[in-house]
Structures are given as structure tokens and as C-alpha cells.
Protein backbone atom coordinates (compact mmCIF):
# COMPACT_ATOMS: atom_id res chain seq x y z
CA MET A 1 14.60 5.59 6.97
CA ASP A 2 17.36 7.41 8.72
CA LEU A 3 18.83 8.69 5.72
CA PHE A 4 15.55 9.92 4.37
CA ALA A 5 14.64 11.84 7.90
CA GLU A 6 18.18 13.06 8.18
CA GLN A 7 17.96 14.69 4.20
CA PHE A 8 14.47 15.90 4.51
CA ASN A 9 14.93 17.33 8.17
CA LYS A 10 17.93 19.32 7.24
CA ARG A 11 15.95 20.90 4.70
CA GLY A 12 13.49 21.90 6.91
CA ILE A 13 10.81 19.31 5.43
CA ALA A 14 9.14 16.88 8.10
CA LEU A 15 8.91 13.14 7.50
CA PHE A 16 5.98 11.20 8.54
CA THR A 17 6.27 7.38 8.18
CA TYR A 18 3.98 4.85 9.57
CA ASN A 19 3.44 0.95 10.26
CA ARG A 20 0.80 -0.85 8.51
CA ARG A 21 -1.92 -2.60 10.13
CA GLY A 22 -0.69 -5.26 12.49
CA VAL A 23 2.93 -4.33 12.36
CA ASP A 24 5.35 -3.32 14.94
CA LEU A 25 9.01 -3.03 15.15
CA GLY A 26 11.01 -5.71 15.95
CA GLU A 27 14.70 -7.39 16.52
CA ASP A 28 14.87 -10.16 14.36
CA ALA A 29 16.46 -9.95 11.00
CA PRO A 30 16.00 -9.54 7.74
CA TYR A 31 12.86 -7.61 8.57
CA PHE A 32 13.05 -6.38 12.03
CA ASP A 33 9.49 -6.38 12.52
CA LYS A 34 6.67 -7.98 14.76
CA ILE A 35 3.41 -8.85 12.45
CA ASP A 36 0.04 -9.92 14.48
CA ARG A 37 -1.02 -11.79 11.26
CA GLU A 38 -5.00 -11.57 12.17
CA LYS A 39 -4.73 -7.68 12.29
CA TYR A 40 -2.48 -7.67 9.24
CA LYS A 41 -5.37 -9.27 7.16
CA LYS A 42 -7.08 -5.90 7.55
CA TYR A 43 -4.05 -4.55 5.57
CA LEU A 44 -5.62 -4.14 1.92
CA PRO A 45 -5.11 -1.30 -0.71
CA VAL A 46 -8.25 0.77 0.14
CA THR A 47 -7.84 0.16 3.92
CA GLU A 48 -4.44 1.82 3.71
CA ALA A 49 -5.64 4.59 1.80
CA ILE A 50 -8.09 5.27 4.42
CA ASP A 51 -5.57 4.92 7.22
CA ILE A 52 -3.36 7.47 5.45
CA GLU A 53 -6.30 10.17 5.22
CA THR A 54 -6.81 9.47 8.89
CA VAL A 55 -3.05 10.22 9.69
CA ILE A 56 -3.04 13.31 7.65
CA LYS A 57 -6.27 14.55 9.12
CA LYS A 58 -4.32 14.01 12.65
CA LEU A 59 -1.56 15.74 11.58
CA LYS A 60 -3.27 18.59 10.38
CA LYS A 61 -4.33 19.44 13.86
CA ASN A 62 -0.92 20.30 15.13
CA LYS A 63 -0.47 24.05 14.89
CA GLN A 64 3.03 23.70 13.07
CA LEU A 65 1.67 21.50 10.27
CA LYS A 66 -1.86 22.97 9.95
CA LYS A 67 -0.56 25.27 6.78
CA ALA A 68 2.15 22.61 5.65
CA PRO A 69 1.79 21.11 1.94
CA ILE A 70 1.23 17.26 2.10
CA ILE A 71 3.46 15.57 -0.18
CA LEU A 72 2.72 11.63 -0.51
CA TYR A 73 6.13 9.80 -0.83
CA GLY A 74 4.95 6.59 -2.59
CA ILE A 75 7.73 3.84 -3.35
CA SER A 76 6.72 0.63 -5.63
CA GLU A 77 3.26 -0.49 -4.88
CA GLY A 78 3.10 2.86 -2.52
CA THR A 79 2.74 4.83 -6.00
CA MET A 80 -0.76 2.93 -6.26
CA ILE A 81 -1.83 3.66 -2.83
CA ALA A 82 -0.44 7.34 -3.02
CA SER A 83 -2.19 8.35 -6.03
CA ILE A 84 -5.40 6.53 -4.73
CA VAL A 85 -5.49 8.76 -1.78
CA ALA A 86 -5.12 11.98 -3.92
CA ASP A 87 -7.64 10.86 -6.31
CA ARG A 88 -10.06 10.33 -3.80
CA GLN A 89 -9.90 13.88 -2.35
CA LYS A 90 -11.11 13.06 1.05
CA VAL A 91 -7.89 15.06 2.28
CA ASN A 92 -5.82 17.91 0.37
CA ILE A 93 -2.77 16.53 -1.18
CA ASN A 94 -0.37 19.00 -2.73
CA GLY A 95 2.14 16.68 -4.84
CA LEU A 96 2.98 12.91 -5.32
CA PHE A 97 6.82 11.75 -5.25
CA LEU A 98 6.34 8.31 -7.15
CA GLN A 99 9.44 6.26 -6.88
CA GLY A 100 9.67 2.94 -8.70
CA TYR A 101 6.67 3.74 -10.54
CA ALA A 102 3.83 1.32 -11.06
CA HIS A 103 1.97 1.82 -14.17
CA ASP A 104 -0.19 -1.13 -14.97
CA ASN A 105 -2.64 -3.16 -12.48
CA LEU A 106 -0.35 -5.31 -9.91
CA SER A 107 -1.73 -8.45 -11.67
CA ASP A 108 -0.20 -7.37 -15.07
CA ILE A 109 3.31 -6.39 -13.13
CA ILE A 110 3.58 -9.69 -11.63
CA LYS A 111 2.90 -11.41 -14.85
CA TRP A 112 5.69 -8.94 -16.43
CA GLN A 113 7.91 -10.23 -13.53
CA PHE A 114 7.62 -13.56 -14.17
CA SER A 115 7.64 -13.53 -17.95
CA GLY A 116 11.60 -13.24 -17.98
CA ALA A 117 11.86 -9.63 -18.83
CA SER A 118 12.82 -8.95 -15.20
CA SER A 119 15.54 -11.64 -15.24
CA ILE A 120 16.90 -9.78 -18.38
CA VAL A 121 16.89 -6.17 -16.48
CA ASN A 122 18.62 -8.11 -13.31
CA LEU A 123 21.35 -9.74 -15.46
CA LYS A 124 21.99 -7.52 -18.66
CA SER A 125 24.95 -5.46 -16.86
CA PHE A 126 26.73 -8.79 -16.57
CA PHE A 127 26.26 -10.49 -19.89
CA ASP A 128 24.62 -8.22 -22.61
CA LYS A 129 27.51 -6.49 -24.11
CA ASN A 130 25.70 -5.04 -27.05
CA ASN A 131 22.35 -4.14 -25.17
CA ASP A 132 20.35 -6.35 -27.51
CA ASN A 133 18.41 -8.06 -24.41
CA ILE A 134 19.70 -11.58 -25.16
CA PHE A 135 22.85 -13.23 -24.02
CA THR A 136 24.99 -15.07 -26.63
CA ARG A 137 27.37 -18.18 -26.01
CA GLU A 138 30.02 -15.80 -26.02
CA GLU A 139 28.75 -13.22 -23.58
CA TYR A 140 27.61 -15.75 -21.25
CA THR A 141 31.03 -17.75 -21.10
CA ASP A 142 33.18 -14.47 -21.27
CA THR A 143 35.79 -14.78 -18.84
CA SER A 144 35.72 -10.87 -17.68
CA LYS A 145 35.24 -10.17 -13.88
CA ILE A 146 31.86 -8.90 -14.29
CA ALA A 147 30.53 -11.96 -16.29
CA THR A 148 32.44 -14.49 -14.20
CA TYR A 149 30.59 -13.07 -11.33
CA GLY A 150 27.47 -13.35 -12.61
CA ARG A 151 27.54 -16.87 -13.44
CA GLN A 152 29.18 -17.85 -10.32
CA GLN A 153 27.24 -15.62 -7.79
CA ILE A 154 24.02 -14.65 -9.13
CA LEU A 155 23.28 -17.96 -11.29
CA ARG A 156 25.30 -20.37 -9.17
CA ASN A 157 27.52 -21.82 -12.15
CA ALA A 158 24.52 -22.55 -14.28
CA ARG A 159 25.59 -23.70 -17.52
CA PHE A 160 24.66 -21.88 -20.68
CA ASP A 161 22.80 -24.98 -22.40
CA ASP A 162 20.88 -25.46 -19.08
CA LEU A 163 19.58 -21.70 -19.32
CA ASP A 164 18.79 -21.81 -23.31
CA LEU A 165 15.68 -23.85 -22.36
CA ASP A 166 14.24 -23.52 -26.11
CA LYS A 167 17.76 -24.63 -27.76
CA ASP A 168 17.76 -21.58 -29.90
CA GLY A 169 21.30 -20.64 -29.51
CA VAL A 170 20.86 -17.75 -27.24
CA ILE A 171 19.47 -16.74 -23.74
CA SER A 172 16.45 -14.65 -24.00
CA GLN A 173 13.25 -13.40 -22.13
CA LYS A 174 11.32 -16.58 -23.18
CA ASP A 175 13.86 -19.21 -21.69
CA PHE A 176 13.62 -17.17 -18.08
CA GLY A 177 9.85 -16.92 -18.87
CA LEU A 178 10.06 -21.08 -19.19
CA LEU A 179 11.99 -21.56 -16.02
CA ASN A 180 9.70 -19.12 -14.20
CA HIS A 181 6.47 -20.66 -15.35
CA THR A 182 5.71 -23.77 -12.86
CA THR A 183 6.67 -20.92 -9.79
CA TYR A 184 4.01 -18.51 -11.71
CA GLU A 185 1.27 -20.88 -11.91
CA LYS A 186 1.62 -21.97 -8.41
CA LEU A 187 1.25 -18.30 -7.10
CA LEU A 188 -1.75 -17.80 -9.47
CA SER A 189 -3.46 -21.24 -7.86
CA ALA A 190 -2.60 -19.98 -4.39
CA ILE A 191 -4.21 -16.49 -4.86
CA THR A 192 -7.35 -18.11 -6.41
CA ASN A 193 -7.06 -21.09 -3.33
CA ASN A 194 -6.77 -18.30 -0.58
CA ASP A 195 -3.62 -20.27 0.53
CA ASP A 196 -2.10 -17.39 2.59
CA GLU A 197 0.60 -19.56 3.78
CA TYR A 198 1.99 -20.35 0.24
CA ILE A 199 2.04 -16.71 -0.73
CA TRP A 200 3.42 -15.64 2.67
CA ASN A 201 6.50 -18.25 2.48
CA ASN A 202 6.98 -18.15 -1.34
CA TYR A 203 6.18 -14.74 -2.38
CA PHE A 204 5.95 -11.73 -0.27
CA ARG A 205 4.49 -11.32 3.31
CA VAL A 206 0.95 -10.23 1.84
CA THR A 207 -2.56 -12.11 1.61
CA SER A 208 -4.79 -13.52 -1.08
CA ALA A 209 -7.07 -10.81 -0.20
CA TRP A 210 -4.62 -7.90 -0.64
CA LEU A 211 -3.69 -9.67 -4.08
CA LYS A 212 -7.15 -10.03 -5.40
CA GLU A 213 -8.12 -6.37 -4.07
CA HIS A 214 -5.04 -5.21 -5.80
CA PHE A 215 -5.89 -7.11 -9.04
CA ALA A 216 -9.37 -5.36 -9.13
CA LEU A 217 -8.26 -1.77 -8.74
CA GLU A 218 -7.78 0.87 -11.68
CA THR A 219 -4.28 1.37 -12.92
CA ASN A 220 -2.08 4.62 -12.40
CA LYS A 221 -2.24 4.82 -16.15
CA THR A 222 -5.61 5.96 -15.82
CA ARG A 223 -5.90 7.39 -12.55
CA LEU A 224 -2.57 9.86 -12.86
CA PRO A 225 -4.24 11.86 -15.97
CA ARG A 226 -7.11 12.75 -13.99
CA LEU A 227 -5.00 14.40 -11.17
CA ASN A 228 -3.87 18.00 -11.25
CA ILE A 229 -1.40 18.44 -8.49
CA PRO A 230 2.27 18.29 -9.38
CA ILE A 231 3.49 14.82 -9.65
CA TYR A 232 7.17 13.52 -9.62
CA ILE A 233 8.42 10.04 -10.95
CA PHE A 234 11.98 8.98 -10.17
CA HIS A 235 12.63 5.92 -11.60
CA GLY A 236 15.58 3.29 -12.67
CA ASP A 237 16.17 2.41 -16.23
CA SER A 238 17.56 -0.92 -14.51
CA ASP A 239 14.23 -1.38 -12.57
CA ALA A 240 13.53 -5.17 -12.70
CA ASN A 241 10.21 -4.63 -10.58
CA THR A 242 8.51 -2.20 -12.64
CA PRO A 243 9.68 -1.47 -16.29
CA VAL A 244 11.08 1.62 -17.16
CA GLU A 245 9.26 1.67 -20.66
CA LYS A 246 6.00 2.45 -18.68
CA VAL A 247 7.53 5.50 -17.35
CA TYR A 248 7.67 6.85 -20.77
CA GLU A 249 4.25 5.70 -21.53
CA ILE A 250 2.85 7.90 -18.79
CA LYS A 251 5.11 10.59 -19.94
CA ASN A 252 3.66 10.04 -23.46
CA GLU A 253 0.11 10.28 -22.26
CA PHE A 254 0.26 13.65 -20.00
CA GLU A 255 2.14 15.13 -23.24
CA ARG A 256 -0.78 14.07 -25.52
CA LEU A 257 -3.18 15.49 -23.35
CA HIS A 258 -1.24 18.72 -22.72
CA LYS A 259 -0.64 18.29 -19.25
CA GLU A 260 2.25 19.92 -17.52
CA ASN A 261 1.94 18.58 -14.18
CA LEU A 262 4.14 15.70 -14.56
CA HIS A 263 7.78 15.62 -14.10
CA VAL A 264 9.81 12.40 -14.79
CA PHE A 265 13.65 11.79 -14.11
CA ILE A 266 14.87 8.51 -15.25
CA PHE A 267 18.61 7.47 -13.81
CA LYS A 268 21.21 5.28 -15.45
CA GLY A 269 22.20 2.17 -13.68
CA HIS A 270 19.67 2.67 -10.89
CA ASN A 271 17.41 -0.12 -9.81
CA HIS A 272 13.98 -0.24 -8.16
CA ASP A 273 15.44 1.29 -4.95
CA LEU A 274 17.38 3.67 -6.67
CA ASN A 275 20.65 2.07 -5.25
CA TYR A 276 19.80 2.64 -2.02
CA MET A 277 22.23 -0.25 -0.86
CA ASN A 278 24.78 1.71 -2.41
CA TYR A 279 24.43 4.23 0.60
CA ILE A 280 24.09 1.30 3.14
CA TYR A 281 27.84 -0.16 1.94
CA TYR A 282 29.74 3.13 0.94
CA LYS A 283 28.09 6.12 2.50
CA GLN A 284 27.37 7.87 -0.66
CA ILE A 285 24.08 9.05 -1.70
CA PRO A 286 23.05 7.63 -5.08
CA GLU A 287 21.92 10.21 -7.86
CA GLY A 288 18.48 8.96 -7.92
CA LEU A 289 17.96 9.75 -4.05
CA GLN A 290 19.96 13.03 -4.22
CA LYS A 291 17.31 14.04 -6.92
CA ILE A 292 14.60 13.26 -4.65
CA PHE A 293 15.88 15.25 -1.66
CA ASP A 294 16.66 18.19 -3.82
CA THR A 295 13.32 18.32 -5.62
CA ALA A 296 11.74 18.24 -2.19
CA GLU A 297 13.66 21.13 -1.03
CA THR A 298 12.60 23.29 -4.32
CA LEU A 299 9.26 22.82 -3.39
CA LYS A 300 9.65 25.08 -0.37
CA LYS A 301 10.25 27.95 -2.83
């Protein structure tokens, strides 16, 4: 979070982050954290919303922050938690920054990710010359530098015929969906059977209880239209975790309702983290993140 602290602070904006229940800082790569698995079981969507409310109440007791506006900055799943806190109205929230916006229920998002659509988004830049969301044999076997990199480094030299599972002459979403089907079914089974170890080691470091509670939550697509505070969405058009099409859906819904408190920014060639790794490698702030910092500064005026 060093980049965010530096950029917000130099604009006179305080940034507060937190560790989730059972999580502490650690020294071991790649996560650099220490997790108490028993305490971590209490980390659930609604308990996290309650924890955020508790933090805000504590911060508001500080004389310097008593009159400061509170903007919740949620990323990915955090876009759901941020909107829950705003909707509960237990504390005063002055605005939402939502990066990698999650429109649908997590169950539907996971289904989309395993459907093959996410794979197409991830691989389009390597093979999809005409932007039609399918890869022909000619596109896949192209000898250009970028296609060669995609085959060798991303797909580990998989042959075209190995990926064209339905044998229709192109590599499409359906093919990747077939490739992912068994893994998806195993995940659903693990959730149903409370197999937390499988989920932890083969999906994300979350619990079956966390997933089940998420599956029962109201979606952002119905919650956000109730909110009247300023809402800012920052999303990449190459986001393979949460589809950019859903950003247009919520934008259209606000327009249908004649609500003007939603502000949408979509960035070409940006992924789910708005190309944050470009900053790590090249020390250049990507356009999407720069827009977040600049937008935050305008809210002070």
C-alpha cells in the first residue's frame, strides 16, 4: 500500500487500511502474512462490514478526523463490502470508490470466471487480432512475438488441437469452459461439503462459510441504486475477474432511474488491479490508478 499512502497523503488525504480478523503481517513470500486459521473463520462478509463500522467510529473520535469526510475504497470483493457499509447507514459514509467493480452475486461471478469467458479476456491480447473473442488456428499459431509469448509462457506450448476441445475449428469460450468444468465442479462440491482445506489450497484462502454467506448476499446491482452518495467506479476493459460489461449495466440502470451520483471510468488495456504491477516493474503509475488519486483530490474542493 506504499504507493497509495504516498499518493493520497501528498494530496492531504488520510489513508487507513486494516488486517482482516486473524491476519497479521508476516515475512514469508508470496503473501507476507501470518494467519490464525481459527480466528480467520470469523472473517465473513457481514462481520467485515461491522468491523469497518467499528473502525470508522474509532477514527471519528480523533479530533483531526472528526469532521473529515469518509470515502470507502473497495477493490473487487471489497466493492461489495463497501456498499454494504454504506447501505447499512450505521456510520456516515460520504462516498464510494469501487475498483474492479463486482456487479453480480459472487456465485454468478465465480461461474462466469470458470465459464471460459475469463480465459478469453486474459488471452485476447495475444491471439485475437480481429477482436471477435475467438482464436482461429492462424491467429493461435502466428509467429509474432506476442503470440509466441502467449503460447510458450502462458499456455505452456499447448497445441491448437489440444485447446479446440469441441473440434469446431476455433478456440472459444466454450473450449475453456470445458477445460475448467471439472475444477469448477470440485469447488462447488467443496463449498457444499465445507471442505475448507480444498478451498484454501486450490481456490482462494477463504472458508466455505465465507463463500456461502457471499452467495446469500444481495448484489451490488440492486443495492447501489438505493444509495444517494457519490459513487465512483474505476474498471479496466481487460478485467478477467469481473467483466467490464457489468459496469455498463449499472451505468445504464442509474441513467434509467435518472440518478446522477454514479461516475464511471473505464480504462483501455487495464486489468483487475488497474495494471498495478506496471508500477512495481517500471515505477510508472498506470492511468487507472492515477485517475483514482486525482479524483480523490478533486473531492477536497
